[in-house]
């Protein structure tokens, strides 16, 4: 589709996604579809001190970078609420 953003997922978030329960994985995948339409949806937060954004999906956090010129959303971290942002 024209205007559709590409979602790329780094290696570590892929590993985490493979281990998630199916219901949690489906909710996160649905959030990825939202990001493919709009990388800055309502409720997203720009992280201070980083060129990164964050969305919440229940108790999980997805941290990502936006490459506007190439229309790419790069998922850099998927983590539970308490572990988010430690590896940035």
PDB file of N, CA and C in Angstrom:
ATOM      1  N   UNK A   1       0.834  -1.186   0.000  1.00  0.00           N
ATOM      2  CA  UNK A   1       0.000   0.000   0.000  1.00  0.00           C
ATOM      3  C   UNK A   1       0.874   1.243   0.000  1.00  0.00           C
ATOM      4  N   UNK A   2       0.510   2.250  -0.781  1.00  0.00           N
ATOM      5  CA  UNK A   2       1.260   3.500  -0.729  1.00  0.00           C
ATOM      6  C   UNK A   2       1.100   4.142   0.649  1.00  0.00           C
ATOM      7  N   UNK A   3       2.173   4.714   1.147  1.00  0.00           N
ATOM      8  CA  UNK A   3       2.135   5.359   2.454  1.00  0.00           C
ATOM      9  C   UNK A   3       2.320   4.414   3.616  1.00  0.00           C
ATOM     10  N   UNK A   4       2.419   3.137   3.340  1.00  0.00           N
ATOM     11  CA  UNK A   4       2.591   2.137   4.402  1.00  0.00           C
ATOM     12  C   UNK A   4       4.047   2.127   4.858  1.00  0.00           C
ATOM     13  N   UNK A   5       4.260   2.199   6.148  1.00  0.00           N
ATOM     14  CA  UNK A   5       5.610   2.155   6.720  1.00  0.00           C
ATOM     15  C   UNK A   5       6.054   0.700   6.847  1.00  0.00           C
ATOM     16  N   UNK A   6       7.343   0.455   6.640  1.00  0.00           N
ATOM     17  CA  UNK A   6       7.888  -0.895   6.827  1.00  0.00           C
ATOM     18  C   UNK A   6       8.306  -1.058   8.280  1.00  0.00           C
ATOM     19  N   UNK A   7       7.998  -2.205   8.856  1.00  0.00           N
ATOM     20  CA  UNK A   7       8.390  -2.528  10.222  1.00  0.00           C
ATOM     21  C   UNK A   7       9.577  -3.488  10.148  1.00  0.00           C
ATOM     22  N   UNK A   8      10.716  -3.095  10.726  1.00  0.00           N
ATOM     23  CA  UNK A   8      11.882  -3.957  10.826  1.00  0.00           C
ATOM     24  C   UNK A   8      12.133  -4.228  12.300  1.00  0.00           C
ATOM     25  N   UNK A   9      12.465  -5.469  12.625  1.00  0.00           N
ATOM     26  CA  UNK A   9      12.659  -5.851  14.025  1.00  0.00           C
ATOM     27  C   UNK A   9      14.082  -6.362  14.194  1.00  0.00           C
ATOM     28  N   UNK A  10      14.810  -5.763  15.132  1.00  0.00           N
ATOM     29  CA  UNK A  10      16.182  -6.202  15.403  1.00  0.00           C
ATOM     30  C   UNK A  10      16.191  -7.608  16.003  1.00  0.00           C
ATOM     31  N   UNK A  11      17.368  -8.203  16.061  1.00  0.00           N
ATOM     32  CA  UNK A  11      17.517  -9.599  16.481  1.00  0.00           C
ATOM     33  C   UNK A  11      16.989  -9.867  17.898  1.00  0.00           C
ATOM     34  N   UNK A  12      17.384  -9.085  18.867  1.00  0.00           N
ATOM     35  CA  UNK A  12      16.979  -9.339  20.259  1.00  0.00           C
ATOM     36  C   UNK A  12      15.458  -9.258  20.444  1.00  0.00           C
ATOM     37  N   UNK A  13      14.804  -8.216  19.913  1.00  0.00           N
ATOM     38  CA  UNK A  13      13.332  -8.212  20.037  1.00  0.00           C
ATOM     39  C   UNK A  13      12.679  -9.421  19.359  1.00  0.00           C
ATOM     40  N   UNK A  14      13.243  -9.890  18.250  1.00  0.00           N
ATOM     41  CA  UNK A  14      12.697 -11.094  17.596  1.00  0.00           C
ATOM     42  C   UNK A  14      12.755 -12.294  18.530  1.00  0.00           C
ATOM     43  N   UNK A  15      13.879 -12.445  19.214  1.00  0.00           N
ATOM     44  CA  UNK A  15      14.038 -13.565  20.154  1.00  0.00           C
ATOM     45  C   UNK A  15      12.995 -13.481  21.269  1.00  0.00           C
ATOM     46  N   UNK A  16      12.777 -12.291  21.786  1.00  0.00           N
ATOM     47  CA  UNK A  16      11.799 -12.112  22.858  1.00  0.00           C
ATOM     48  C   UNK A  16      10.394 -12.426  22.351  1.00  0.00           C
ATOM     49  N   UNK A  17      10.063 -11.953  21.160  1.00  0.00           N
ATOM     50  CA  UNK A  17       8.729 -12.193  20.602  1.00  0.00           C
ATOM     51  C   UNK A  17       8.454 -13.687  20.426  1.00  0.00           C
ATOM     52  N   UNK A  18       9.456 -14.451  20.064  1.00  0.00           N
ATOM     53  CA  UNK A  18       9.270 -15.900  19.873  1.00  0.00           C
ATOM     54  C   UNK A  18       8.898 -16.603  21.179  1.00  0.00           C
ATOM     55  N   UNK A  19       9.284 -16.038  22.317  1.00  0.00           N
ATOM     56  CA  UNK A  19       9.039 -16.686  23.612  1.00  0.00           C
ATOM     57  C   UNK A  19       7.743 -16.232  24.288  1.00  0.00           C
ATOM     58  N   UNK A  20       7.072 -15.256  23.722  1.00  0.00           N
ATOM     59  CA  UNK A  20       5.878 -14.713  24.378  1.00  0.00           C
ATOM     60  C   UNK A  20       4.677 -15.639  24.238  1.00  0.00           C
ATOM     61  N   UNK A  21       3.756 -15.590  25.205  1.00  0.00           N
ATOM     62  CA  UNK A  21       2.494 -16.318  25.059  1.00  0.00           C
ATOM     63  C   UNK A  21       1.737 -15.794  23.835  1.00  0.00           C
ATOM     64  N   UNK A  22       0.971 -16.652  23.221  1.00  0.00           N
ATOM     65  CA  UNK A  22       0.297 -16.314  21.971  1.00  0.00           C
ATOM     66  C   UNK A  22      -0.586 -15.072  22.083  1.00  0.00           C
ATOM     67  N   UNK A  23      -1.336 -14.931  23.177  1.00  0.00           N
ATOM     68  CA  UNK A  23      -2.221 -13.769  23.306  1.00  0.00           C
ATOM     69  C   UNK A  23      -1.431 -12.464  23.380  1.00  0.00           C
ATOM     70  N   UNK A  24      -0.327 -12.450  24.110  1.00  0.00           N
ATOM     71  CA  UNK A  24       0.511 -11.258  24.209  1.00  0.00           C
ATOM     72  C   UNK A  24       1.147 -10.947  22.860  1.00  0.00           C
ATOM     73  N   UNK A  25       1.618 -11.975  22.187  1.00  0.00           N
ATOM     74  CA  UNK A  25       2.227 -11.801  20.868  1.00  0.00           C
ATOM     75  C   UNK A  25       1.224 -11.197  19.890  1.00  0.00           C
ATOM     76  N   UNK A  26      -0.006 -11.653  19.912  1.00  0.00           N
ATOM     77  CA  UNK A  26      -1.024 -11.120  18.999  1.00  0.00           C
ATOM     78  C   UNK A  26      -1.306  -9.646  19.284  1.00  0.00           C
ATOM     79  N   UNK A  27      -1.339  -9.258  20.549  1.00  0.00           N
ATOM     80  CA  UNK A  27      -1.562  -7.850  20.889  1.00  0.00           C
ATOM     81  C   UNK A  27      -0.407  -6.987  20.406  1.00  0.00           C
ATOM     82  N   UNK A  28       0.817  -7.485  20.540  1.00  0.00           N
ATOM     83  CA  UNK A  28       1.981  -6.723  20.084  1.00  0.00           C
ATOM     84  C   UNK A  28       1.991  -6.643  18.557  1.00  0.00           C
ATOM     85  N   UNK A  29       1.660  -7.732  17.886  1.00  0.00           N
ATOM     86  CA  UNK A  29       1.579  -7.700  16.414  1.00  0.00           C
ATOM     87  C   UNK A  29       0.532  -6.700  15.946  1.00  0.00           C
ATOM     88  N   UNK A  30      -0.583  -6.623  16.638  1.00  0.00           N
ATOM     89  CA  UNK A  30      -1.617  -5.646  16.287  1.00  0.00           C
ATOM     90  C   UNK A  30      -1.067  -4.223  16.430  1.00  0.00           C
ATOM     91  N   UNK A  31      -0.262  -4.007  17.468  1.00  0.00           N
ATOM     92  CA  UNK A  31       0.354  -2.690  17.658  1.00  0.00           C
ATOM     93  C   UNK A  31       1.327  -2.382  16.521  1.00  0.00           C
ATOM     94  N   UNK A  32       2.039  -3.405  16.020  1.00  0.00           N
ATOM     95  CA  UNK A  32       2.941  -3.206  14.886  1.00  0.00           C
ATOM     96  C   UNK A  32       2.152  -2.770  13.646  1.00  0.00           C
ATOM     97  N   UNK A  33       0.965  -3.308  13.458  1.00  0.00           N
ATOM     98  CA  UNK A  33       0.129  -2.896  12.323  1.00  0.00           C
ATOM     99  C   UNK A  33      -0.280  -1.431  12.441  1.00  0.00           C
ATOM    100  N   UNK A  34      -0.551  -0.998  13.665  1.00  0.00           N
ATOM    101  CA  UNK A  34      -0.871   0.413  13.890  1.00  0.00           C
ATOM    102  C   UNK A  34       0.336   1.279  13.540  1.00  0.00           C
ATOM    103  N   UNK A  35       1.537   0.843  13.956  1.00  0.00           N
ATOM    104  CA  UNK A  35       2.756   1.596  13.644  1.00  0.00           C
ATOM    105  C   UNK A  35       3.011   1.648  12.140  1.00  0.00           C
ATOM    106  N   UNK A  36       2.622   0.613  11.412  1.00  0.00           N
ATOM    107  CA  UNK A  36       2.808   0.602   9.960  1.00  0.00           C
ATOM    108  C   UNK A  36       1.941   1.659   9.277  1.00  0.00           C
ATOM    109  N   UNK A  37       0.826   2.012   9.907  1.00  0.00           N
ATOM    110  CA  UNK A  37      -0.036   3.068   9.373  1.00  0.00           C
ATOM    111  C   UNK A  37       0.391   4.443   9.862  1.00  0.00           C
ATOM    112  N   UNK A  38       0.801   4.518  11.114  1.00  0.00           N
ATOM    113  CA  UNK A  38       1.185   5.795  11.722  1.00  0.00           C
ATOM    114  C   UNK A  38       2.245   5.522  12.781  1.00  0.00           C
ATOM    115  N   UNK A  39       3.519   5.874  12.534  1.00  0.00           N
ATOM    116  CA  UNK A  39       4.571   5.579  13.509  1.00  0.00           C
ATOM    117  C   UNK A  39       4.515   6.441  14.773  1.00  0.00           C
ATOM    118  N   UNK A  40       3.645   7.431  14.769  1.00  0.00           N
ATOM    119  CA  UNK A  40       3.479   8.273  15.960  1.00  0.00           C
ATOM    120  C   UNK A  40       2.006   8.293  16.376  1.00  0.00           C
ATOM    121  N   UNK A  41       1.477   7.118  16.760  1.00  0.00           N
ATOM    122  CA  UNK A  41       0.051   7.051  17.113  1.00  0.00           C
ATOM    123  C   UNK A  41      -0.226   7.748  18.442  1.00  0.00           C
ATOM    124  N   UNK A  42      -1.492   7.964  18.684  1.00  0.00           N
ATOM    125  CA  UNK A  42      -1.906   8.545  19.963  1.00  0.00           C
ATOM    126  C   UNK A  42      -1.391   7.663  21.097  1.00  0.00           C
ATOM    127  N   UNK A  43      -0.790   8.266  22.105  1.00  0.00           N
ATOM    128  CA  UNK A  43      -0.278   7.518  23.246  1.00  0.00           C
ATOM    129  C   UNK A  43       1.199   7.191  23.154  1.00  0.00           C
ATOM    130  N   UNK A  44       1.811   7.389  21.994  1.00  0.00           N
ATOM    131  CA  UNK A  44       3.255   7.122  21.907  1.00  0.00           C
ATOM    132  C   UNK A  44       4.012   8.236  22.617  1.00  0.00           C
ATOM    133  N   UNK A  45       5.226   7.930  23.057  1.00  0.00           N
ATOM    134  CA  UNK A  45       6.031   8.901  23.803  1.00  0.00           C
ATOM    135  C   UNK A  45       7.426   8.933  23.209  1.00  0.00           C
ATOM    136  N   UNK A  46       7.953  10.141  22.990  1.00  0.00           N
ATOM    137  CA  UNK A  46       9.345  10.283  22.569  1.00  0.00           C
ATOM    138  C   UNK A  46      10.202  10.205  23.825  1.00  0.00           C
ATOM    139  N   UNK A  47      11.218   9.343  23.808  1.00  0.00           N
ATOM    140  CA  UNK A  47      12.065   9.166  24.986  1.00  0.00           C
ATOM    141  C   UNK A  47      13.074  10.302  25.073  1.00  0.00           C
ATOM    142  N   UNK A  48      13.140  10.914  26.228  1.00  0.00           N
ATOM    143  CA  UNK A  48      14.073  12.017  26.437  1.00  0.00           C
ATOM    144  C   UNK A  48      15.509  11.523  26.372  1.00  0.00           C
ATOM    145  N   UNK A  49      16.349  12.250  25.667  1.00  0.00           N
ATOM    146  CA  UNK A  49      17.756  11.911  25.575  1.00  0.00           C
ATOM    147  C   UNK A  49      18.071  10.888  24.489  1.00  0.00           C
ATOM    148  N   UNK A  50      17.053  10.397  23.788  1.00  0.00           N
ATOM    149  CA  UNK A  50      17.232   9.410  22.721  1.00  0.00           C
ATOM    150  C   UNK A  50      16.415   9.841  21.508  1.00  0.00           C
ATOM    151  N   UNK A  51      16.780   9.347  20.365  1.00  0.00           N
ATOM    152  CA  UNK A  51      15.959   9.555  19.175  1.00  0.00           C
ATOM    153  C   UNK A  51      15.073   8.323  18.996  1.00  0.00           C
ATOM    154  N   UNK A  52      14.360   7.968  20.062  1.00  0.00           N
ATOM    155  CA  UNK A  52      13.528   6.771  20.103  1.00  0.00           C
ATOM    156  C   UNK A  52      12.132   7.112  20.609  1.00  0.00           C
ATOM    157  N   UNK A  53      11.198   6.245  20.263  1.00  0.00           N
ATOM    158  CA  UNK A  53       9.809   6.371  20.681  1.00  0.00           C
ATOM    159  C   UNK A  53       9.398   5.115  21.428  1.00  0.00           C
ATOM    160  N   UNK A  54       8.302   5.213  22.177  1.00  0.00           N
ATOM    161  CA  UNK A  54       7.830   4.086  22.971  1.00  0.00           C
ATOM    162  C   UNK A  54       6.309   4.019  22.908  1.00  0.00           C
ATOM    163  N   UNK A  55       5.804   2.789  22.778  1.00  0.00           N
ATOM    164  CA  UNK A  55       4.367   2.567  22.940  1.00  0.00           C
ATOM    165  C   UNK A  55       4.175   1.515  24.017  1.00  0.00           C
ATOM    166  N   UNK A  56       3.021   1.584  24.680  1.00  0.00           N
ATOM    167  CA  UNK A  56       2.673   0.603  25.705  1.00  0.00           C
ATOM    168  C   UNK A  56       1.637  -0.359  25.147  1.00  0.00           C
ATOM    169  N   UNK A  57       1.835  -1.618  25.448  1.00  0.00           N
ATOM    170  CA  UNK A  57       0.865  -2.659  25.116  1.00  0.00           C
ATOM    171  C   UNK A  57       0.670  -3.457  26.397  1.00  0.00           C
ATOM    172  N   UNK A  58      -0.324  -3.077  27.173  1.00  0.00           N
ATOM    173  CA  UNK A  58      -0.526  -3.715  28.477  1.00  0.00           C
ATOM    174  C   UNK A  58       0.693  -3.494  29.353  1.00  0.00           C
ATOM    175  N   UNK A  59       1.284  -4.576  29.858  1.00  0.00           N
ATOM    176  CA  UNK A  59       2.469  -4.477  30.710  1.00  0.00           C
ATOM    177  C   UNK A  59       3.758  -4.506  29.902  1.00  0.00           C
ATOM    178  N   UNK A  60       3.668  -4.485  28.583  1.00  0.00           N
ATOM    179  CA  UNK A  60       4.846  -4.539  27.720  1.00  0.00           C
ATOM    180  C   UNK A  60       5.116  -3.183  27.088  1.00  0.00           C
ATOM    181  N   UNK A  61       6.384  -2.947  26.797  1.00  0.00           N
ATOM    182  CA  UNK A  61       6.812  -1.710  26.146  1.00  0.00           C
ATOM    183  C   UNK A  61       7.542  -2.062  24.866  1.00  0.00           C
ATOM    184  N   UNK A  62       7.257  -1.327  23.809  1.00  0.00           N
ATOM    185  CA  UNK A  62       7.964  -1.475  22.543  1.00  0.00           C
ATOM    186  C   UNK A  62       8.671  -0.156  22.267  1.00  0.00           C
ATOM    187  N   UNK A  63       9.984  -0.225  22.140  1.00  0.00           N
ATOM    188  CA  UNK A  63      10.799   0.946  21.857  1.00  0.00           C
ATOM    189  C   UNK A  63      11.242   0.850  20.407  1.00  0.00           C
ATOM    190  N   UNK A  64      11.151   1.979  19.696  1.00  0.00           N
ATOM    191  CA  UNK A  64      11.449   1.950  18.270  1.00  0.00           C
ATOM    192  C   UNK A  64      12.006   3.280  17.784  1.00  0.00           C
ATOM    193  N   UNK A  65      12.700   3.196  16.651  1.00  0.00           N
ATOM    194  CA  UNK A  65      13.226   4.382  15.971  1.00  0.00           C
ATOM    195  C   UNK A  65      12.411   4.590  14.702  1.00  0.00           C
ATOM    196  N   UNK A  66      12.299   5.838  14.286  1.00  0.00           N
ATOM    197  CA  UNK A  66      11.562   6.168  13.071  1.00  0.00           C
ATOM    198  C   UNK A  66      12.538   6.772  12.067  1.00  0.00           C
ATOM    199  N   UNK A  67      12.588   6.186  10.887  1.00  0.00           N
ATOM    200  CA  UNK A  67      13.400   6.727   9.801  1.00  0.00           C
ATOM    201  C   UNK A  67      12.437   7.295   8.763  1.00  0.00           C
ATOM    202  N   UNK A  68      12.119   8.592   8.935  1.00  0.00           N
ATOM    203  CA  UNK A  68      11.103   9.235   8.103  1.00  0.00           C
ATOM    204  C   UNK A  68      11.440   9.195   6.616  1.00  0.00           C
ATOM    205  N   UNK A  69      12.706   9.449   6.260  1.00  0.00           N
ATOM    206  CA  UNK A  69      13.080   9.529   4.855  1.00  0.00           C
ATOM    207  C   UNK A  69      12.907   8.201   4.117  1.00  0.00           C
ATOM    208  N   UNK A  70      13.027   7.072   4.830  1.00  0.00           N
ATOM    209  CA  UNK A  70      12.874   5.758   4.199  1.00  0.00           C
ATOM    210  C   UNK A  70      11.560   5.067   4.586  1.00  0.00           C
ATOM    211  N   UNK A  71      10.746   5.729   5.387  1.00  0.00           N
ATOM    212  CA  UNK A  71       9.469   5.192   5.873  1.00  0.00           C
ATOM    213  C   UNK A  71       9.660   3.831   6.541  1.00  0.00           C
ATOM    214  N   UNK A  72      10.602   3.800   7.507  1.00  0.00           N
ATOM    215  CA  UNK A  72      10.908   2.580   8.250  1.00  0.00           C
ATOM    216  C   UNK A  72      10.689   2.825   9.738  1.00  0.00           C
ATOM    217  N   UNK A  73      10.068   1.859  10.396  1.00  0.00           N
ATOM    218  CA  UNK A  73       9.969   1.821  11.854  1.00  0.00           C
ATOM    219  C   UNK A  73      10.850   0.660  12.292  1.00  0.00           C
ATOM    220  N   UNK A  74      11.892   0.957  13.063  1.00  0.00           N
ATOM    221  CA  UNK A  74      12.849  -0.058  13.506  1.00  0.00           C
ATOM    222  C   UNK A  74      12.585  -0.380  14.972  1.00  0.00           C
ATOM    223  N   UNK A  75      12.133  -1.591  15.250  1.00  0.00           N
ATOM    224  CA  UNK A  75      11.850  -2.031  16.620  1.00  0.00           C
ATOM    225  C   UNK A  75      13.185  -2.404  17.261  1.00  0.00           C
ATOM    226  N   UNK A  76      13.545  -1.699  18.330  1.00  0.00           N
ATOM    227  CA  UNK A  76      14.839  -1.948  18.974  1.00  0.00           C
ATOM    228  C   UNK A  76      14.713  -2.681  20.306  1.00  0.00           C
ATOM    229  N   UNK A  77      13.526  -2.627  20.927  1.00  0.00           N
ATOM    230  CA  UNK A  77      13.364  -3.313  22.203  1.00  0.00           C
ATOM    231  C   UNK A  77      11.901  -3.659  22.436  1.00  0.00           C
ATOM    232  N   UNK A  78      11.679  -4.873  22.919  1.00  0.00           N
ATOM    233  CA  UNK A  78      10.366  -5.331  23.388  1.00  0.00           C
ATOM    234  C   UNK A  78      10.627  -5.903  24.769  1.00  0.00           C
ATOM    235  N   UNK A  79      10.017  -5.295  25.787  1.00  0.00           N
ATOM    236  CA  UNK A  79      10.322  -5.751  27.140  1.00  0.00           C
ATOM    237  C   UNK A  79       9.141  -5.506  28.077  1.00  0.00           C
ATOM    238  N   UNK A  80       9.111  -6.271  29.179  1.00  0.00           N
ATOM    239  CA  UNK A  80       8.072  -6.015  30.176  1.00  0.00           C
ATOM    240  C   UNK A  80       8.306  -4.654  30.813  1.00  0.00           C
ATOM    241  N   UNK A  81       7.272  -4.104  31.374  1.00  0.00           N
ATOM    242  CA  UNK A  81       7.307  -2.746  31.917  1.00  0.00           C
ATOM    243  C   UNK A  81       8.513  -2.496  32.813  1.00  0.00           C
ATOM    244  N   UNK A  82       8.806  -3.374  33.737  1.00  0.00           N
ATOM    245  CA  UNK A  82       9.906  -3.148  34.675  1.00  0.00           C
ATOM    246  C   UNK A  82      11.288  -3.228  34.051  1.00  0.00           C
ATOM    247  N   UNK A  83      11.417  -3.914  32.916  1.00  0.00           N
ATOM    248  CA  UNK A  83      12.729  -4.072  32.292  1.00  0.00           C
ATOM    249  C   UNK A  83      12.978  -3.142  31.127  1.00  0.00           C
ATOM    250  N   UNK A  84      12.010  -2.292  30.836  1.00  0.00           N
ATOM    251  CA  UNK A  84      12.139  -1.412  29.672  1.00  0.00           C
ATOM    252  C   UNK A  84      13.237  -0.385  29.880  1.00  0.00           C
ATOM    253  N   UNK A  85      13.903  -0.066  28.801  1.00  0.00           N
ATOM    254  CA  UNK A  85      14.885   1.024  28.708  1.00  0.00           C
ATOM    255  C   UNK A  85      16.226   0.724  29.341  1.00  0.00           C
ATOM    256  N   UNK A  86      16.448  -0.471  29.876  1.00  0.00           N
ATOM    257  CA  UNK A  86      17.732  -0.767  30.515  1.00  0.00           C
ATOM    258  C   UNK A  86      18.849  -0.998  29.508  1.00  0.00           C
ATOM    259  N   UNK A  87      18.515  -1.489  28.306  1.00  0.00           N
ATOM    260  CA  UNK A  87      19.537  -1.843  27.339  1.00  0.00           C
ATOM    261  C   UNK A  87      19.655  -0.835  26.196  1.00  0.00           C
ATOM    262  N   UNK A  88      19.169   0.378  26.384  1.00  0.00           N
ATOM    263  CA  UNK A  88      19.235   1.368  25.303  1.00  0.00           C
ATOM    264  C   UNK A  88      20.565   2.051  25.231  1.00  0.00           C
TER     265      UNK A  88
END
